[in-house]
Amino acid sequence: MKAIRLALFALAFASSIHSSAVSAEESIDDRTLILLVGPAMEKNTVDGSKAYGTSLAVEFTAIEHQLEIEMETQYLSTSNPKELGAQIIFKKPFELASDIELGVGLGPAIWRKTSSPSSGLQSGVAFVADFMFWTTKKVGWYLSPSYTYGMSGGAERVIGLSVGLLFSM
């Protein structure tokens, strides 16, 4: 819980130092490699369980204005089992304004409950909508709702949300 509060504080601080506006000549093209860091939350729609943790992702532009690829890993914790997961998301980018982007995509996801009797590797498909808000040319914040449809044993259905800071490299 402290990590979530710290990340939200950092998010508020980054937003407060927002330069008056991101210049018009900046665009998605200037941000070919992006690091995303922040807290993550998930709720299983089958059994109602919730998990909280951290998310770390790297995103790069594969085809300008057409395809971005995001590789993400999450470490989530509930009252008992811990969960380690990863996904590769193929997204179509949309520039909503000079400092606001939307990426919609899907891709394979894998996860493993590390402290559970059923600790086998599970897989599924993740659907994601990334909203990125750039406060400066190199720093911003993001909001990323997701839905994961499990396809292996247990067939989990999970709604997720990740919020945090992003850095253009």
C-alpha atoms as a PDB file:
ATOM      1  CA  MET A   1       0.000   0.000   0.000  1.00  0.00           C
ATOM      2  CA  LYS A   2       2.931   2.322   0.735  1.00  0.00           C
ATOM      3  CA  ALA A   3       4.259   1.744  -2.788  1.00  0.00           C
ATOM      4  CA  ILE A   4       0.918   2.797  -4.279  1.00  0.00           C
ATOM      5  CA  ARG A   5       0.823   5.961  -2.162  1.00  0.00           C
ATOM      6  CA  LEU A   6       4.430   6.794  -3.074  1.00  0.00           C
ATOM      7  CA  ALA A   7       3.735   6.277  -6.781  1.00  0.00           C
ATOM      8  CA  LEU A   8       0.611   8.446  -6.624  1.00  0.00           C
ATOM      9  CA  PHE A   9       2.576  11.176  -4.817  1.00  0.00           C
ATOM     10  CA  ALA A  10       5.276  11.032  -7.503  1.00  0.00           C
ATOM     11  CA  LEU A  11       2.557  11.185 -10.147  1.00  0.00           C
ATOM     12  CA  ALA A  12       1.031  14.282  -8.567  1.00  0.00           C
ATOM     13  CA  PHE A  13       4.469  15.897  -8.274  1.00  0.00           C
ATOM     14  CA  ALA A  14       5.293  15.200 -11.928  1.00  0.00           C
ATOM     15  CA  SER A  15       1.967  16.687 -12.981  1.00  0.00           C
ATOM     16  CA  SER A  16       2.526  19.792 -10.874  1.00  0.00           C
ATOM     17  CA  ILE A  17       5.771  20.608 -12.686  1.00  0.00           C
ATOM     18  CA  HIS A  18       3.981  20.422 -16.019  1.00  0.00           C
ATOM     19  CA  SER A  19       5.529  22.877 -18.445  1.00  0.00           C
ATOM     20  CA  SER A  20       2.950  25.318 -19.799  1.00  0.00           C
ATOM     21  CA  ALA A  21       2.466  23.132 -22.864  1.00  0.00           C
ATOM     22  CA  VAL A  22       4.333  20.520 -24.805  1.00  0.00           C
ATOM     23  CA  SER A  23       5.522  22.208 -27.973  1.00  0.00           C
ATOM     24  CA  ALA A  24       3.579  21.524 -31.150  1.00  0.00           C
ATOM     25  CA  GLU A  25       6.584  20.135 -33.017  1.00  0.00           C
ATOM     26  CA  GLU A  26       6.859  17.270 -30.531  1.00  0.00           C
ATOM     27  CA  SER A  27       5.001  14.155 -31.487  1.00  0.00           C
ATOM     28  CA  ILE A  28       4.949  10.415 -30.983  1.00  0.00           C
ATOM     29  CA  ASP A  29       7.926  10.214 -33.357  1.00  0.00           C
ATOM     30  CA  ASP A  30      10.188  11.738 -30.674  1.00  0.00           C
ATOM     31  CA  ARG A  31       9.340   8.926 -28.265  1.00  0.00           C
ATOM     32  CA  THR A  32      10.571   5.704 -29.820  1.00  0.00           C
ATOM     33  CA  LEU A  33      11.526   4.015 -26.513  1.00  0.00           C
ATOM     34  CA  ILE A  34       9.461   4.491 -23.347  1.00  0.00           C
ATOM     35  CA  LEU A  35       9.865   3.133 -19.801  1.00  0.00           C
ATOM     36  CA  LEU A  36       6.657   2.757 -17.732  1.00  0.00           C
ATOM     37  CA  VAL A  37       6.816   2.257 -13.946  1.00  0.00           C
ATOM     38  CA  GLY A  38       3.990   2.202 -11.415  1.00  0.00           C
ATOM     39  CA  PRO A  39       1.602   0.339  -9.161  1.00  0.00           C
ATOM     40  CA  ALA A  40      -0.782  -2.267 -10.568  1.00  0.00           C
ATOM     41  CA  MET A  41      -4.094  -3.660  -9.341  1.00  0.00           C
ATOM     42  CA  GLU A  42      -6.147  -6.605 -10.560  1.00  0.00           C
ATOM     43  CA  LYS A  43      -9.528  -8.126  -9.756  1.00  0.00           C
ATOM     44  CA  ASN A  44     -10.438 -11.644 -10.776  1.00  0.00           C
ATOM     45  CA  THR A  45     -14.007 -11.590 -12.092  1.00  0.00           C
ATOM     46  CA  VAL A  46     -14.435 -15.334 -11.495  1.00  0.00           C
ATOM     47  CA  ASP A  47     -13.716 -15.544  -7.758  1.00  0.00           C
ATOM     48  CA  GLY A  48     -13.585 -11.840  -6.815  1.00  0.00           C
ATOM     49  CA  SER A  49     -10.031 -11.939  -5.464  1.00  0.00           C
ATOM     50  CA  LYS A  50      -7.901  -8.795  -5.687  1.00  0.00           C
ATOM     51  CA  ALA A  51      -4.150  -8.359  -6.084  1.00  0.00           C
ATOM     52  CA  TYR A  52      -1.882  -5.339  -5.745  1.00  0.00           C
ATOM     53  CA  GLY A  53       1.731  -4.832  -6.754  1.00  0.00           C
ATOM     54  CA  THR A  54       4.084  -3.191  -9.202  1.00  0.00           C
ATOM     55  CA  SER A  55       4.380  -3.000 -12.952  1.00  0.00           C
ATOM     56  CA  LEU A  56       7.421  -2.357 -15.136  1.00  0.00           C
ATOM     57  CA  ALA A  57       7.214  -2.069 -18.920  1.00  0.00           C
ATOM     58  CA  VAL A  58       9.274  -1.039 -21.918  1.00  0.00           C
ATOM     59  CA  GLU A  59       7.548   0.144 -25.075  1.00  0.00           C
ATOM     60  CA  PHE A  60       9.066   0.842 -28.467  1.00  0.00           C
ATOM     61  CA  THR A  61       7.806   1.962 -31.846  1.00  0.00           C
ATOM     62  CA  ALA A  62       8.052  -0.825 -34.422  1.00  0.00           C
ATOM     63  CA  ILE A  63       6.290   0.970 -37.307  1.00  0.00           C
ATOM     64  CA  GLU A  64       5.748   4.728 -36.983  1.00  0.00           C
ATOM     65  CA  HIS A  65       2.085   5.669 -36.464  1.00  0.00           C
ATOM     66  CA  GLN A  66       1.079   2.010 -36.949  1.00  0.00           C
ATOM     67  CA  LEU A  67       2.563  -0.374 -34.367  1.00  0.00           C
ATOM     68  CA  GLU A  68       4.015  -0.127 -30.877  1.00  0.00           C
ATOM     69  CA  ILE A  69       5.202  -3.155 -28.918  1.00  0.00           C
ATOM     70  CA  GLU A  70       5.075  -3.175 -25.134  1.00  0.00           C
ATOM     71  CA  MET A  71       6.812  -5.771 -22.969  1.00  0.00           C
ATOM     72  CA  GLU A  72       5.518  -5.704 -19.401  1.00  0.00           C
ATOM     73  CA  THR A  73       6.106  -7.614 -16.203  1.00  0.00           C
ATOM     74  CA  GLN A  74       4.080  -7.462 -12.992  1.00  0.00           C
ATOM     75  CA  TYR A  75       4.609  -8.729  -9.475  1.00  0.00           C
ATOM     76  CA  LEU A  76       1.318  -8.887  -7.592  1.00  0.00           C
ATOM     77  CA  SER A  77       0.444  -9.971  -4.076  1.00  0.00           C
ATOM     78  CA  THR A  78      -2.758 -11.000  -2.368  1.00  0.00           C
ATOM     79  CA  SER A  79      -3.253 -12.286   1.164  1.00  0.00           C
ATOM     80  CA  ASN A  80      -1.688 -15.633   0.243  1.00  0.00           C
ATOM     81  CA  PRO A  81      -0.359 -16.354  -3.258  1.00  0.00           C
ATOM     82  CA  LYS A  82       2.117 -14.078  -5.014  1.00  0.00           C
ATOM     83  CA  GLU A  83       1.835 -13.749  -8.791  1.00  0.00           C
ATOM     84  CA  LEU A  84       4.536 -13.031 -11.341  1.00  0.00           C
ATOM     85  CA  GLY A  85       3.352 -12.258 -14.861  1.00  0.00           C
ATOM     86  CA  ALA A  86       4.507 -10.975 -18.221  1.00  0.00           C
ATOM     87  CA  GLN A  87       2.855  -9.917 -21.448  1.00  0.00           C
ATOM     88  CA  ILE A  88       3.752  -8.642 -24.878  1.00  0.00           C
ATOM     89  CA  ILE A  89       1.184  -6.208 -26.242  1.00  0.00           C
ATOM     90  CA  PHE A  90       0.946  -5.140 -29.891  1.00  0.00           C
ATOM     91  CA  LYS A  91      -0.721  -1.715 -29.976  1.00  0.00           C
ATOM     92  CA  LYS A  92      -2.058   0.730 -32.517  1.00  0.00           C
ATOM     93  CA  PRO A  93      -1.099   4.282 -31.418  1.00  0.00           C
ATOM     94  CA  PHE A  94      -3.408   7.290 -31.692  1.00  0.00           C
ATOM     95  CA  GLU A  95      -2.202  10.840 -31.033  1.00  0.00           C
ATOM     96  CA  LEU A  96      -5.183  12.585 -29.400  1.00  0.00           C
ATOM     97  CA  ALA A  97      -3.274  15.846 -28.825  1.00  0.00           C
ATOM     98  CA  SER A  98       0.374  16.898 -28.946  1.00  0.00           C
ATOM     99  CA  ASP A  99       0.802  15.702 -25.348  1.00  0.00           C
ATOM    100  CA  ILE A 100      -1.850  12.929 -25.088  1.00  0.00           C
ATOM    101  CA  GLU A 101      -1.592   9.480 -26.666  1.00  0.00           C
ATOM    102  CA  LEU A 102      -3.824   6.419 -26.713  1.00  0.00           C
ATOM    103  CA  GLY A 103      -2.566   2.944 -27.545  1.00  0.00           C
ATOM    104  CA  VAL A 104      -5.055   0.098 -28.009  1.00  0.00           C
ATOM    105  CA  GLY A 105      -3.860  -3.446 -28.364  1.00  0.00           C
ATOM    106  CA  LEU A 106      -3.707  -7.077 -27.367  1.00  0.00           C
ATOM    107  CA  GLY A 107      -1.179  -9.834 -26.979  1.00  0.00           C
ATOM    108  CA  PRO A 108      -0.168 -13.007 -25.165  1.00  0.00           C
ATOM    109  CA  ALA A 109       0.109 -13.047 -21.375  1.00  0.00           C
ATOM    110  CA  ILE A 110       1.662 -15.607 -19.033  1.00  0.00           C
ATOM    111  CA  TRP A 111       1.633 -15.734 -15.239  1.00  0.00           C
ATOM    112  CA  ARG A 112       2.506 -18.019 -12.366  1.00  0.00           C
ATOM    113  CA  LYS A 113       1.268 -18.009  -8.787  1.00  0.00           C
ATOM    114  CA  THR A 114       4.554 -18.496  -6.949  1.00  0.00           C
ATOM    115  CA  SER A 115       3.259 -19.492  -3.489  1.00  0.00           C
ATOM    116  CA  SER A 116       0.204 -21.531  -4.377  1.00  0.00           C
ATOM    117  CA  PRO A 117      -0.375 -25.288  -4.650  1.00  0.00           C
ATOM    118  CA  SER A 118      -1.468 -24.722  -8.250  1.00  0.00           C
ATOM    119  CA  SER A 119       1.758 -22.912  -9.161  1.00  0.00           C
ATOM    120  CA  GLY A 120       1.824 -24.001 -12.792  1.00  0.00           C
ATOM    121  CA  LEU A 121       2.368 -21.596 -15.639  1.00  0.00           C
ATOM    122  CA  GLN A 122      -0.882 -20.160 -16.993  1.00  0.00           C
ATOM    123  CA  SER A 123      -1.504 -18.294 -20.231  1.00  0.00           C
ATOM    124  CA  GLY A 124      -4.081 -16.079 -21.841  1.00  0.00           C
ATOM    125  CA  VAL A 125      -4.734 -13.002 -23.962  1.00  0.00           C
ATOM    126  CA  ALA A 126      -4.478  -9.459 -22.596  1.00  0.00           C
ATOM    127  CA  PHE A 127      -6.443  -6.506 -23.995  1.00  0.00           C
ATOM    128  CA  VAL A 128      -5.029  -3.071 -23.096  1.00  0.00           C
ATOM    129  CA  ALA A 129      -5.823   0.632 -23.573  1.00  0.00           C
ATOM    130  CA  ASP A 130      -2.869   2.857 -22.605  1.00  0.00           C
ATOM    131  CA  PHE A 131      -3.510   6.561 -22.032  1.00  0.00           C
ATOM    132  CA  MET A 132      -0.260   8.555 -21.898  1.00  0.00           C
ATOM    133  CA  PHE A 133      -0.113  12.149 -20.730  1.00  0.00           C
ATOM    134  CA  TRP A 134       3.205  13.913 -21.374  1.00  0.00           C
ATOM    135  CA  THR A 135       3.942  16.707 -18.903  1.00  0.00           C
ATOM    136  CA  THR A 136       7.358  17.452 -20.469  1.00  0.00           C
ATOM    137  CA  LYS A 137       9.180  16.195 -23.557  1.00  0.00           C
ATOM    138  CA  LYS A 138      10.698  13.246 -21.641  1.00  0.00           C
ATOM    139  CA  VAL A 139       8.428  12.660 -18.604  1.00  0.00           C
ATOM    140  CA  GLY A 140       4.745  12.002 -18.169  1.00  0.00           C
ATOM    141  CA  TRP A 141       2.223   9.687 -16.579  1.00  0.00           C
ATOM    142  CA  TYR A 142      -0.029   6.914 -17.798  1.00  0.00           C
ATOM    143  CA  LEU A 143      -3.297   5.145 -17.054  1.00  0.00           C
ATOM    144  CA  SER A 144      -3.645   1.626 -18.409  1.00  0.00           C
ATOM    145  CA  PRO A 145      -6.853  -0.389 -17.923  1.00  0.00           C
ATOM    146  CA  SER A 146      -6.696  -4.011 -19.085  1.00  0.00           C
ATOM    147  CA  TYR A 147      -8.643  -7.248 -19.339  1.00  0.00           C
ATOM    148  CA  THR A 148      -6.958 -10.650 -19.360  1.00  0.00           C
ATOM    149  CA  TYR A 149      -8.756 -13.754 -20.576  1.00  0.00           C
ATOM    150  CA  GLY A 150      -7.108 -16.913 -19.247  1.00  0.00           C
ATOM    151  CA  MET A 151      -7.000 -19.920 -21.537  1.00  0.00           C
ATOM    152  CA  SER A 152      -5.320 -22.557 -19.394  1.00  0.00           C
ATOM    153  CA  GLY A 153      -6.316 -24.412 -16.217  1.00  0.00           C
ATOM    154  CA  GLY A 154      -8.622 -22.322 -14.037  1.00  0.00           C
ATOM    155  CA  ALA A 155      -9.576 -20.018 -16.935  1.00  0.00           C
ATOM    156  CA  GLU A 156      -9.115 -16.728 -15.087  1.00  0.00           C
ATOM    157  CA  ARG A 157     -10.833 -13.523 -16.184  1.00  0.00           C
ATOM    158  CA  VAL A 158      -9.056 -10.484 -14.763  1.00  0.00           C
ATOM    159  CA  ILE A 159      -9.717  -6.738 -14.897  1.00  0.00           C
ATOM    160  CA  GLY A 160      -6.587  -4.713 -14.238  1.00  0.00           C
ATOM    161  CA  LEU A 161      -5.388  -1.157 -13.845  1.00  0.00           C
ATOM    162  CA  SER A 162      -1.881   0.244 -13.864  1.00  0.00           C
ATOM    163  CA  VAL A 163      -1.040   3.901 -13.215  1.00  0.00           C
ATOM    164  CA  GLY A 164       2.379   5.447 -13.035  1.00  0.00           C
ATOM    165  CA  LEU A 165       5.185   7.470 -14.509  1.00  0.00           C
ATOM    166  CA  LEU A 166       6.638   7.147 -17.981  1.00  0.00           C
ATOM    167  CA  PHE A 167      10.011   8.210 -19.270  1.00  0.00           C
ATOM    168  CA  SER A 168      11.067   8.678 -22.887  1.00  0.00           C
ATOM    169  CA  MET A 169      14.565   7.407 -23.595  1.00  0.00           C
END
